[in-house]
Amino acid sequence: MAQPETISAKQLAQRLATGEEFVLLDVREAEELALAALPGVIHLPLSRSQEWLETLPERLSQEKNLVVICHGGIRSWHFGCWLIDTHGYTKVWNLEGGIDAWSVQVDPSLPRY
């Protein structure tokens, strides 16, 4: 099974600050997104995949760098593996520690839950 690359919150913040482009894909539930979110994310909650699955190729380009985000990094890792194995995506990263790590390592003003 192919796996997404791992990227820490600090590494992602540094790379974004240098202008490197990433598509940020948040797979958490709407309630979680309402508590803490990064600006500009594409929100595809896993529990509602039947609503967006058919449009996945239009929503997510295989040509762009994709960072998958969840609360702690587990759901996003599984989703990243699925994107690689099932849909042939090759530029996939998993945000290690998820949005919680971002709150601790990068932006303490982002609420933790």
Protein backbone atom coordinates (compact mmCIF):
# COMPACT_ATOMS: atom_id res chain seq x y z
CA MET A 1 0.00 0.00 0.00
CA ALA A 2 1.34 3.39 -1.00
CA GLN A 3 1.37 6.03 1.71
CA PRO A 4 1.22 9.81 1.71
CA GLU A 5 4.30 11.80 2.63
CA THR A 6 4.28 13.15 6.16
CA ILE A 7 4.58 16.88 6.73
CA SER A 8 4.69 18.58 10.12
CA ALA A 9 2.68 21.69 10.87
CA LYS A 10 5.88 23.74 11.09
CA GLN A 11 7.17 22.40 7.77
CA LEU A 12 3.86 23.14 6.06
CA ALA A 13 3.74 26.66 7.50
CA GLN A 14 7.31 27.33 6.31
CA ARG A 15 6.61 26.00 2.83
CA LEU A 16 3.38 28.00 2.55
CA ALA A 17 5.25 31.13 3.70
CA THR A 18 7.75 30.73 0.85
CA GLY A 19 4.88 30.69 -1.64
CA GLU A 20 4.83 26.98 -2.33
CA GLU A 21 1.34 26.02 -3.42
CA PHE A 22 -0.62 23.32 -1.65
CA VAL A 23 -4.26 22.38 -1.83
CA LEU A 24 -5.42 21.94 1.76
CA LEU A 25 -8.06 19.24 2.01
CA ASP A 26 -9.90 18.97 5.31
CA VAL A 27 -11.74 15.68 5.82
CA ARG A 28 -13.20 16.48 9.27
CA GLU A 29 -16.88 16.89 10.00
CA ALA A 30 -18.58 20.28 9.62
CA GLU A 31 -18.85 20.62 13.40
CA GLU A 32 -15.08 20.18 13.73
CA LEU A 33 -14.39 22.64 10.94
CA ALA A 34 -16.56 25.21 12.74
CA LEU A 35 -14.34 24.87 15.84
CA ALA A 36 -10.97 25.33 14.12
CA ALA A 37 -10.10 25.68 10.45
CA LEU A 38 -7.31 26.85 8.21
CA PRO A 39 -8.31 29.45 5.64
CA GLY A 40 -8.91 28.31 2.10
CA VAL A 41 -9.38 24.60 2.77
CA ILE A 42 -11.43 22.34 0.55
CA HIS A 43 -13.86 20.61 2.88
CA LEU A 44 -14.77 17.02 2.01
CA PRO A 45 -16.11 15.37 5.18
CA LEU A 46 -15.50 11.65 5.09
CA SER A 47 -18.94 10.82 6.47
CA ARG A 48 -20.55 12.51 3.46
CA SER A 49 -18.35 10.95 0.80
CA GLN A 50 -21.33 9.69 -1.20
CA GLU A 51 -22.22 13.34 -1.83
CA TRP A 52 -18.84 14.29 -3.34
CA LEU A 53 -17.18 11.06 -4.46
CA GLU A 54 -18.32 11.23 -8.09
CA THR A 55 -16.97 14.78 -8.43
CA LEU A 56 -13.60 14.04 -6.82
CA PRO A 57 -11.58 14.37 -10.07
CA GLU A 58 -13.08 17.82 -10.71
CA ARG A 59 -12.53 18.95 -7.12
CA LEU A 60 -8.94 17.72 -6.69
CA SER A 61 -6.35 18.02 -9.41
CA GLN A 62 -3.78 15.25 -9.53
CA GLU A 63 -1.24 17.83 -10.70
CA LYS A 64 -1.26 19.88 -7.49
CA ASN A 65 0.36 19.24 -4.12
CA LEU A 66 -2.34 18.03 -1.76
CA VAL A 67 -2.18 18.13 2.04
CA VAL A 68 -4.90 16.16 3.80
CA ILE A 69 -5.96 17.42 7.23
CA CYS A 70 -8.04 16.01 10.07
CA HIS A 71 -7.97 16.49 13.84
CA GLY A 72 -5.03 14.28 14.77
CA GLY A 73 -3.65 12.93 11.50
CA ILE A 74 -5.22 9.48 11.40
CA ARG A 75 -8.30 9.97 9.22
CA SER A 76 -6.25 12.14 6.87
CA TRP A 77 -3.54 9.47 6.60
CA HIS A 78 -6.11 6.82 5.68
CA PHE A 79 -7.74 9.14 3.17
CA GLY A 80 -4.34 9.98 1.67
CA CYS A 81 -3.58 6.26 1.24
CA TRP A 82 -6.95 5.81 -0.44
CA LEU A 83 -6.32 8.72 -2.84
CA ILE A 84 -3.00 7.20 -3.85
CA ASP A 85 -4.12 3.57 -4.10
CA THR A 86 -7.59 4.03 -5.55
CA HIS A 87 -7.32 7.20 -7.63
CA GLY A 88 -3.64 7.38 -8.55
CA TYR A 89 -2.79 10.66 -6.82
CA THR A 90 0.97 11.01 -6.37
CA LYS A 91 1.47 14.40 -4.68
CA VAL A 92 -0.20 13.66 -1.35
CA TRP A 93 0.95 14.72 2.12
CA ASN A 94 -0.60 14.01 5.50
CA LEU A 95 -0.50 16.78 8.09
CA GLU A 96 1.17 14.99 11.00
CA GLY A 97 -0.83 15.59 14.17
CA GLY A 98 -3.58 17.31 12.20
CA ILE A 99 -5.18 20.62 13.02
CA ASP A 100 -4.33 20.02 16.67
CA ALA A 101 -0.61 20.10 15.86
CA TRP A 102 -1.14 23.27 13.81
CA SER A 103 -2.75 24.89 16.89
CA VAL A 104 0.20 23.92 19.07
CA GLN A 105 3.14 24.41 16.68
CA VAL A 106 2.06 27.23 14.38
CA ASP A 107 -1.00 29.21 15.49
CA PRO A 108 -1.89 29.10 19.18
CA SER A 109 -4.87 31.38 18.50
CA LEU A 110 -6.55 28.51 16.67
CA PRO A 111 -8.76 26.75 19.23
CA ARG A 112 -7.90 23.23 20.30
CA TYR A 113 -10.65 20.70 20.88
